[in-house]
Amino acid sequence: MGESTNNTPAKRAAQGGAIDAFLEKAQRVAPRASGRGRLIFALDATMSRQPAWDMAQAIQGEMFAQTAALGGLDVQLVYFRGFSECRASKFVSGGQGLRALMAKIACRGGRTQIGKVLRHALDEARAAPVGALVFVGDAMEEDIDRLAAAAGELGLLGVKAFMFQEGADAATQRAFREIARLTGGAYAGFDAGAPRRLAELLAAAAAYAAGGRLELERRARDGEAAARLLLSQIG
């Protein structure tokens, strides 16, 4: 999509600062001693997210591009949009190609497909361990009981869901919190006008996928608010 008229130099500078902070933190993450962690990163690309897409793409794209800096973390990109379109990339260790893929994704009208994301995560976790599922979205238009059932299965497989909500829709918050609770994961909200908040949440979730609870605890001791928030919720 075209550049937003709200994308002022001041906002671009703020976004750049958030990205720099995320990358600096990501470089300090220690890998799991037992092997490489796997992170599924899923996002809502329906039309409702278009106003904030430039900011989200910048932060998420940089995260993928710098996956190698996390040392021991493989990342898979999953997104949904349009009419029943839900796609997943391969797992990559260094983020090759993911930044380019993000640049090609345009928001399209459609309903949410969170259930497909959860079922995909289940399939992946049954094939090989998955350290965490991170989901970023602003809406939930599905049967919450079905989502809860899938989330419960993820929890049994040890996959924690980190549900990050853009905006403050109450029904969406309830659903995201319940998915996080059933998986033993965590929920957090963020504002599209505050990119640093999302960058810090992504860094903390990636830290968990790569280094486990001990890595979150270390970051919390270092005073990182996002790490403390996630640590206070995970089971």
C-alpha atoms as a PDB file:
ATOM      1  CA  MET A   1       0.000   0.000   0.000  1.00  0.00           C
ATOM      2  CA  GLY A   2       1.082   3.598  -0.358  1.00  0.00           C
ATOM      3  CA  GLU A   3       2.844   5.620   2.313  1.00  0.00           C
ATOM      4  CA  SER A   4       0.519   6.903   5.002  1.00  0.00           C
ATOM      5  CA  THR A   5       0.104  10.662   5.349  1.00  0.00           C
ATOM      6  CA  ASN A   6       0.628  10.084   9.071  1.00  0.00           C
ATOM      7  CA  ASN A   7       4.076   8.615   8.437  1.00  0.00           C
ATOM      8  CA  THR A   8       5.891  11.787   9.523  1.00  0.00           C
ATOM      9  CA  PRO A   9       9.686  12.079   9.965  1.00  0.00           C
ATOM     10  CA  ALA A  10       9.153  12.046  13.743  1.00  0.00           C
ATOM     11  CA  LYS A  11       7.175   8.807  13.590  1.00  0.00           C
ATOM     12  CA  ARG A  12       9.707   7.203  11.237  1.00  0.00           C
ATOM     13  CA  ALA A  13      12.438   8.145  13.682  1.00  0.00           C
ATOM     14  CA  ALA A  14      10.473   6.593  16.547  1.00  0.00           C
ATOM     15  CA  GLN A  15      10.021   3.407  14.532  1.00  0.00           C
ATOM     16  CA  GLY A  16      13.718   3.306  13.761  1.00  0.00           C
ATOM     17  CA  GLY A  17      14.525   3.684  17.431  1.00  0.00           C
ATOM     18  CA  ALA A  18      12.192   0.812  18.317  1.00  0.00           C
ATOM     19  CA  ILE A  19      13.819  -1.413  15.711  1.00  0.00           C
ATOM     20  CA  ASP A  20      17.299  -0.544  16.954  1.00  0.00           C
ATOM     21  CA  ALA A  21      16.243  -1.346  20.531  1.00  0.00           C
ATOM     22  CA  PHE A  22      14.788  -4.685  19.444  1.00  0.00           C
ATOM     23  CA  LEU A  23      17.890  -5.694  17.493  1.00  0.00           C
ATOM     24  CA  GLU A  24      20.222  -4.679  20.324  1.00  0.00           C
ATOM     25  CA  LYS A  25      18.234  -6.846  22.761  1.00  0.00           C
ATOM     26  CA  ALA A  26      17.925  -9.747  20.336  1.00  0.00           C
ATOM     27  CA  GLN A  27      21.696 -10.040  20.077  1.00  0.00           C
ATOM     28  CA  ARG A  28      21.891 -10.894  23.792  1.00  0.00           C
ATOM     29  CA  VAL A  29      19.579 -13.917  23.634  1.00  0.00           C
ATOM     30  CA  ALA A  30      21.182 -17.250  24.512  1.00  0.00           C
ATOM     31  CA  PRO A  31      20.030 -20.391  22.625  1.00  0.00           C
ATOM     32  CA  ARG A  32      18.533 -23.419  24.331  1.00  0.00           C
ATOM     33  CA  ALA A  33      21.160 -25.879  25.449  1.00  0.00           C
ATOM     34  CA  SER A  34      19.089 -28.761  24.037  1.00  0.00           C
ATOM     35  CA  GLY A  35      19.051 -27.444  20.461  1.00  0.00           C
ATOM     36  CA  ARG A  36      17.515 -24.803  18.226  1.00  0.00           C
ATOM     37  CA  GLY A  37      14.251 -23.213  19.293  1.00  0.00           C
ATOM     38  CA  ARG A  38      11.381 -22.853  16.819  1.00  0.00           C
ATOM     39  CA  LEU A  39       9.064 -19.837  16.765  1.00  0.00           C
ATOM     40  CA  ILE A  40       5.859 -19.543  14.737  1.00  0.00           C
ATOM     41  CA  PHE A  41       5.130 -15.882  14.076  1.00  0.00           C
ATOM     42  CA  ALA A  42       1.552 -15.326  12.894  1.00  0.00           C
ATOM     43  CA  LEU A  43      -0.204 -12.119  11.950  1.00  0.00           C
ATOM     44  CA  ASP A  44      -3.567 -10.815  10.858  1.00  0.00           C
ATOM     45  CA  ALA A  45      -3.295  -9.206   7.420  1.00  0.00           C
ATOM     46  CA  THR A  46      -6.972  -8.349   6.962  1.00  0.00           C
ATOM     47  CA  MET A  47      -8.024  -4.883   5.864  1.00  0.00           C
ATOM     48  CA  SER A  48      -8.662  -3.585   9.392  1.00  0.00           C
ATOM     49  CA  ARG A  49      -4.913  -3.602  10.060  1.00  0.00           C
ATOM     50  CA  GLN A  50      -3.993  -1.500   7.009  1.00  0.00           C
ATOM     51  CA  PRO A  51      -3.612   1.839   8.859  1.00  0.00           C
ATOM     52  CA  ALA A  52      -0.884   0.333  11.069  1.00  0.00           C
ATOM     53  CA  TRP A  53       0.657  -1.956   8.469  1.00  0.00           C
ATOM     54  CA  ASP A  54       3.704   0.183   7.677  1.00  0.00           C
ATOM     55  CA  MET A  55       4.761   0.259  11.320  1.00  0.00           C
ATOM     56  CA  ALA A  56       4.069  -3.437  11.893  1.00  0.00           C
ATOM     57  CA  GLN A  57       5.906  -4.445   8.738  1.00  0.00           C
ATOM     58  CA  ALA A  58       8.977  -2.442   9.728  1.00  0.00           C
ATOM     59  CA  ILE A  59       9.240  -4.014  13.170  1.00  0.00           C
ATOM     60  CA  GLN A  60       8.280  -7.548  12.201  1.00  0.00           C
ATOM     61  CA  GLY A  61      10.379  -7.479   9.042  1.00  0.00           C
ATOM     62  CA  GLU A  62      13.471  -6.435  10.961  1.00  0.00           C
ATOM     63  CA  MET A  63      12.853  -9.205  13.458  1.00  0.00           C
ATOM     64  CA  PHE A  64      12.841 -11.796  10.687  1.00  0.00           C
ATOM     65  CA  ALA A  65      15.860 -10.289   8.967  1.00  0.00           C
ATOM     66  CA  GLN A  66      17.851 -10.525  12.179  1.00  0.00           C
ATOM     67  CA  THR A  67      16.791 -14.036  13.198  1.00  0.00           C
ATOM     68  CA  ALA A  68      20.403 -15.194  13.058  1.00  0.00           C
ATOM     69  CA  ALA A  69      21.259 -12.739  15.829  1.00  0.00           C
ATOM     70  CA  LEU A  70      19.016 -14.753  18.164  1.00  0.00           C
ATOM     71  CA  GLY A  71      21.387 -17.723  17.872  1.00  0.00           C
ATOM     72  CA  GLY A  72      19.539 -21.008  17.903  1.00  0.00           C
ATOM     73  CA  LEU A  73      16.120 -19.793  16.749  1.00  0.00           C
ATOM     74  CA  ASP A  74      14.243 -20.829  13.607  1.00  0.00           C
ATOM     75  CA  VAL A  75      11.249 -18.701  12.583  1.00  0.00           C
ATOM     76  CA  GLN A  76       8.202 -19.455  10.462  1.00  0.00           C
ATOM     77  CA  LEU A  77       5.920 -16.697   9.158  1.00  0.00           C
ATOM     78  CA  VAL A  78       2.154 -17.384   9.040  1.00  0.00           C
ATOM     79  CA  TYR A  79      -0.467 -14.856   7.922  1.00  0.00           C
ATOM     80  CA  PHE A  80      -4.095 -14.758   6.839  1.00  0.00           C
ATOM     81  CA  ARG A  81      -6.126 -12.324   4.770  1.00  0.00           C
ATOM     82  CA  GLY A  82      -8.844 -12.151   2.091  1.00  0.00           C
ATOM     83  CA  PHE A  83     -11.195 -15.064   1.417  1.00  0.00           C
ATOM     84  CA  SER A  84      -9.857 -18.094   3.325  1.00  0.00           C
ATOM     85  CA  GLU A  85      -6.227 -17.283   2.461  1.00  0.00           C
ATOM     86  CA  CYS A  86      -3.858 -18.519   5.158  1.00  0.00           C
ATOM     87  CA  ARG A  87      -0.210 -19.126   4.269  1.00  0.00           C
ATOM     88  CA  ALA A  88       2.916 -20.331   6.047  1.00  0.00           C
ATOM     89  CA  SER A  89       6.561 -20.023   5.067  1.00  0.00           C
ATOM     90  CA  LYS A  90       9.227 -22.618   5.738  1.00  0.00           C
ATOM     91  CA  PHE A  91      11.223 -22.380   8.965  1.00  0.00           C
ATOM     92  CA  VAL A  92      14.396 -20.390   8.359  1.00  0.00           C
ATOM     93  CA  SER A  93      17.384 -19.898  10.606  1.00  0.00           C
ATOM     94  CA  GLY A  94      18.610 -16.540   9.390  1.00  0.00           C
ATOM     95  CA  GLY A  95      15.484 -14.808   8.166  1.00  0.00           C
ATOM     96  CA  GLN A  96      16.480 -15.158   4.509  1.00  0.00           C
ATOM     97  CA  GLY A  97      13.589 -14.187   2.290  1.00  0.00           C
ATOM     98  CA  LEU A  98      11.187 -13.349   5.105  1.00  0.00           C
ATOM     99  CA  ARG A  99      11.795  -9.622   4.982  1.00  0.00           C
ATOM    100  CA  ALA A 100      11.189  -9.673   1.226  1.00  0.00           C
ATOM    101  CA  LEU A 101       8.011 -11.673   1.781  1.00  0.00           C
ATOM    102  CA  MET A 102       6.739  -9.163   4.319  1.00  0.00           C
ATOM    103  CA  ALA A 103       7.284  -6.366   1.828  1.00  0.00           C
ATOM    104  CA  LYS A 104       5.026  -8.142  -0.675  1.00  0.00           C
ATOM    105  CA  ILE A 105       2.109  -8.686   1.701  1.00  0.00           C
ATOM    106  CA  ALA A 106      -0.776  -6.236   1.286  1.00  0.00           C
ATOM    107  CA  CYS A 107      -3.789  -6.203   3.555  1.00  0.00           C
ATOM    108  CA  ARG A 108      -7.001  -7.590   2.042  1.00  0.00           C
ATOM    109  CA  GLY A 109     -10.538  -7.598   3.321  1.00  0.00           C
ATOM    110  CA  GLY A 110     -11.720 -10.734   5.053  1.00  0.00           C
ATOM    111  CA  ARG A 111     -12.589 -12.344   8.345  1.00  0.00           C
ATOM    112  CA  THR A 112     -10.138 -13.572  10.937  1.00  0.00           C
ATOM    113  CA  GLN A 113      -8.747 -17.115  10.647  1.00  0.00           C
ATOM    114  CA  ILE A 114      -7.140 -17.598  14.040  1.00  0.00           C
ATOM    115  CA  GLY A 115      -8.453 -21.164  14.188  1.00  0.00           C
ATOM    116  CA  LYS A 116      -6.393 -22.053  11.122  1.00  0.00           C
ATOM    117  CA  VAL A 117      -3.312 -20.558  12.754  1.00  0.00           C
ATOM    118  CA  LEU A 118      -3.815 -22.617  15.908  1.00  0.00           C
ATOM    119  CA  ARG A 119      -4.411 -25.825  13.959  1.00  0.00           C
ATOM    120  CA  HIS A 120      -1.333 -25.168  11.852  1.00  0.00           C
ATOM    121  CA  ALA A 121       0.710 -24.693  15.022  1.00  0.00           C
ATOM    122  CA  LEU A 122      -0.653 -28.006  16.290  1.00  0.00           C
ATOM    123  CA  ASP A 123       0.469 -29.785  13.121  1.00  0.00           C
ATOM    124  CA  GLU A 124       3.936 -28.260  13.381  1.00  0.00           C
ATOM    125  CA  ALA A 125       4.261 -29.105  17.072  1.00  0.00           C
ATOM    126  CA  ARG A 126       3.275 -32.715  16.438  1.00  0.00           C
ATOM    127  CA  ALA A 127       5.988 -32.972  13.793  1.00  0.00           C
ATOM    128  CA  ALA A 128       8.732 -31.324  15.884  1.00  0.00           C
ATOM    129  CA  PRO A 129       8.856 -29.231  19.087  1.00  0.00           C
ATOM    130  CA  VAL A 130       7.756 -25.584  18.793  1.00  0.00           C
ATOM    131  CA  GLY A 131       9.015 -23.176  21.460  1.00  0.00           C
ATOM    132  CA  ALA A 132       6.278 -20.572  21.078  1.00  0.00           C
ATOM    133  CA  LEU A 133       3.500 -19.179  18.908  1.00  0.00           C
ATOM    134  CA  VAL A 134       3.381 -15.387  18.612  1.00  0.00           C
ATOM    135  CA  PHE A 135       0.205 -13.867  17.171  1.00  0.00           C
ATOM    136  CA  VAL A 136      -0.377 -10.190  16.352  1.00  0.00           C
ATOM    137  CA  GLY A 137      -3.872  -9.018  15.461  1.00  0.00           C
ATOM    138  CA  ASP A 138      -6.703  -6.655  16.300  1.00  0.00           C
ATOM    139  CA  ALA A 139      -9.874  -8.732  15.973  1.00  0.00           C
ATOM    140  CA  MET A 140     -11.530 -12.102  16.603  1.00  0.00           C
ATOM    141  CA  GLU A 141     -14.578 -13.087  14.539  1.00  0.00           C
ATOM    142  CA  GLU A 142     -14.710 -16.846  15.208  1.00  0.00           C
ATOM    143  CA  ASP A 143     -16.254 -19.369  17.586  1.00  0.00           C
ATOM    144  CA  ILE A 144     -14.307 -18.879  20.820  1.00  0.00           C
ATOM    145  CA  ASP A 145     -15.098 -22.413  22.012  1.00  0.00           C
ATOM    146  CA  ARG A 146     -13.391 -23.918  18.967  1.00  0.00           C
ATOM    147  CA  LEU A 147     -10.410 -21.641  19.426  1.00  0.00           C
ATOM    148  CA  ALA A 148     -10.243 -22.604  23.085  1.00  0.00           C
ATOM    149  CA  ALA A 149     -10.263 -26.309  22.213  1.00  0.00           C
ATOM    150  CA  ALA A 150      -7.338 -25.867  19.821  1.00  0.00           C
ATOM    151  CA  ALA A 151      -5.506 -23.705  22.355  1.00  0.00           C
ATOM    152  CA  GLY A 152      -5.939 -26.381  25.002  1.00  0.00           C
ATOM    153  CA  GLU A 153      -4.368 -28.939  22.668  1.00  0.00           C
ATOM    154  CA  LEU A 154      -1.437 -26.603  22.082  1.00  0.00           C
ATOM    155  CA  GLY A 155      -1.007 -26.289  25.827  1.00  0.00           C
ATOM    156  CA  LEU A 156      -0.854 -30.075  26.174  1.00  0.00           C
ATOM    157  CA  LEU A 157       1.961 -30.104  23.610  1.00  0.00           C
ATOM    158  CA  GLY A 158       3.855 -27.432  25.550  1.00  0.00           C
ATOM    159  CA  VAL A 159       3.401 -24.650  22.962  1.00  0.00           C
ATOM    160  CA  LYS A 160       2.826 -21.308  24.662  1.00  0.00           C
ATOM    161  CA  ALA A 161       0.880 -18.683  22.714  1.00  0.00           C
ATOM    162  CA  PHE A 162       1.889 -15.048  23.092  1.00  0.00           C
ATOM    163  CA  MET A 163      -1.153 -13.064  21.959  1.00  0.00           C
ATOM    164  CA  PHE A 164      -0.431  -9.399  21.175  1.00  0.00           C
ATOM    165  CA  GLN A 165      -3.495  -7.243  20.511  1.00  0.00           C
ATOM    166  CA  GLU A 166      -3.448  -4.028  18.517  1.00  0.00           C
ATOM    167  CA  GLY A 167      -6.175  -1.757  19.852  1.00  0.00           C
ATOM    168  CA  ALA A 168      -8.603  -2.318  22.716  1.00  0.00           C
ATOM    169  CA  ASP A 169     -11.626  -4.252  21.435  1.00  0.00           C
ATOM    170  CA  ALA A 170     -13.055  -5.940  24.541  1.00  0.00           C
ATOM    171  CA  ALA A 171     -14.274  -9.164  22.878  1.00  0.00           C
ATOM    172  CA  THR A 172     -10.936  -9.626  21.154  1.00  0.00           C
ATOM    173  CA  GLN A 173      -9.097  -9.083  24.418  1.00  0.00           C
ATOM    174  CA  ARG A 174     -11.178 -11.736  26.164  1.00  0.00           C
ATOM    175  CA  ALA A 175     -10.497 -14.247  23.386  1.00  0.00           C
ATOM    176  CA  PHE A 176      -6.771 -13.497  23.219  1.00  0.00           C
ATOM    177  CA  ARG A 177      -6.433 -13.759  26.990  1.00  0.00           C
ATOM    178  CA  GLU A 178      -8.234 -17.105  27.019  1.00  0.00           C
ATOM    179  CA  ILE A 179      -6.026 -18.545  24.260  1.00  0.00           C
ATOM    180  CA  ALA A 180      -2.939 -17.378  26.120  1.00  0.00           C
ATOM    181  CA  ARG A 181      -4.220 -18.804  29.423  1.00  0.00           C
ATOM    182  CA  LEU A 182      -5.058 -22.217  27.969  1.00  0.00           C
ATOM    183  CA  THR A 183      -1.596 -22.569  26.447  1.00  0.00           C
ATOM    184  CA  GLY A 184       0.221 -21.266  29.513  1.00  0.00           C
ATOM    185  CA  GLY A 185       1.344 -18.273  27.468  1.00  0.00           C
ATOM    186  CA  ALA A 186       0.759 -14.536  27.863  1.00  0.00           C
ATOM    187  CA  TYR A 187      -1.352 -11.639  26.560  1.00  0.00           C
ATOM    188  CA  ALA A 188      -0.397  -8.017  25.996  1.00  0.00           C
ATOM    189  CA  GLY A 189      -1.925  -5.060  24.202  1.00  0.00           C
ATOM    190  CA  PHE A 190      -0.180  -2.357  22.221  1.00  0.00           C
ATOM    191  CA  ASP A 191      -1.018   0.845  20.371  1.00  0.00           C
ATOM    192  CA  ALA A 192      -0.108   1.282  16.722  1.00  0.00           C
ATOM    193  CA  GLY A 193       1.270   4.696  17.615  1.00  0.00           C
ATOM    194  CA  ALA A 194       3.797   3.192  20.050  1.00  0.00           C
ATOM    195  CA  PRO A 195       6.105   0.922  18.026  1.00  0.00           C
ATOM    196  CA  ARG A 196       8.594   0.514  20.878  1.00  0.00           C
ATOM    197  CA  ARG A 197       6.000  -1.395  22.915  1.00  0.00           C
ATOM    198  CA  LEU A 198       5.483  -4.016  20.185  1.00  0.00           C
ATOM    199  CA  ALA A 199       9.217  -4.281  19.519  1.00  0.00           C
ATOM    200  CA  GLU A 200       9.858  -5.029  23.204  1.00  0.00           C
ATOM    201  CA  LEU A 201       7.085  -7.630  23.330  1.00  0.00           C
ATOM    202  CA  LEU A 202       8.449  -9.370  20.235  1.00  0.00           C
ATOM    203  CA  ALA A 203      11.934  -9.391  21.703  1.00  0.00           C
ATOM    204  CA  ALA A 204      10.694 -10.959  24.944  1.00  0.00           C
ATOM    205  CA  ALA A 205       8.662 -13.634  23.145  1.00  0.00           C
ATOM    206  CA  ALA A 206      11.587 -14.474  20.876  1.00  0.00           C
ATOM    207  CA  ALA A 207      13.818 -14.673  23.947  1.00  0.00           C
ATOM    208  CA  TYR A 208      11.492 -17.265  25.438  1.00  0.00           C
ATOM    209  CA  ALA A 209      11.429 -19.337  22.233  1.00  0.00           C
ATOM    210  CA  ALA A 210      15.222 -19.310  22.019  1.00  0.00           C
ATOM    211  CA  GLY A 211      16.244 -19.455  25.671  1.00  0.00           C
ATOM    212  CA  GLY A 212      13.191 -20.608  27.619  1.00  0.00           C
ATOM    213  CA  ARG A 213      11.961 -19.345  30.977  1.00  0.00           C
ATOM    214  CA  LEU A 214      15.503 -18.846  32.276  1.00  0.00           C
ATOM    215  CA  GLU A 215      16.163 -16.300  29.521  1.00  0.00           C
ATOM    216  CA  LEU A 216      12.995 -14.385  30.396  1.00  0.00           C
ATOM    217  CA  GLU A 217      13.984 -14.420  34.049  1.00  0.00           C
ATOM    218  CA  ARG A 218      17.423 -13.042  33.190  1.00  0.00           C
ATOM    219  CA  ARG A 219      15.904 -10.239  31.143  1.00  0.00           C
ATOM    220  CA  ALA A 220      13.400  -9.471  33.892  1.00  0.00           C
ATOM    221  CA  ARG A 221      16.270  -9.156  36.386  1.00  0.00           C
ATOM    222  CA  ASP A 222      17.879  -6.717  33.963  1.00  0.00           C
ATOM    223  CA  GLY A 223      14.786  -4.552  34.295  1.00  0.00           C
ATOM    224  CA  GLU A 224      13.016  -5.281  31.013  1.00  0.00           C
ATOM    225  CA  ALA A 225       9.318  -4.523  31.502  1.00  0.00           C
ATOM    226  CA  ALA A 226       8.107  -6.726  28.623  1.00  0.00           C
ATOM    227  CA  ALA A 227       9.982  -9.723  30.001  1.00  0.00           C
ATOM    228  CA  ARG A 228       8.478  -9.135  33.452  1.00  0.00           C
ATOM    229  CA  LEU A 229       4.980  -8.880  31.957  1.00  0.00           C
ATOM    230  CA  LEU A 230       5.239 -12.154  30.045  1.00  0.00           C
ATOM    231  CA  LEU A 231       6.956 -13.898  32.945  1.00  0.00           C
ATOM    232  CA  SER A 232       4.129 -12.895  35.297  1.00  0.00           C
ATOM    233  CA  GLN A 233       1.625 -14.778  33.134  1.00  0.00           C
ATOM    234  CA  ILE A 234       3.287 -17.864  31.661  1.00  0.00           C
ATOM    235  CA  GLY A 235       2.584 -21.192  33.306  1.00  0.00           C
END
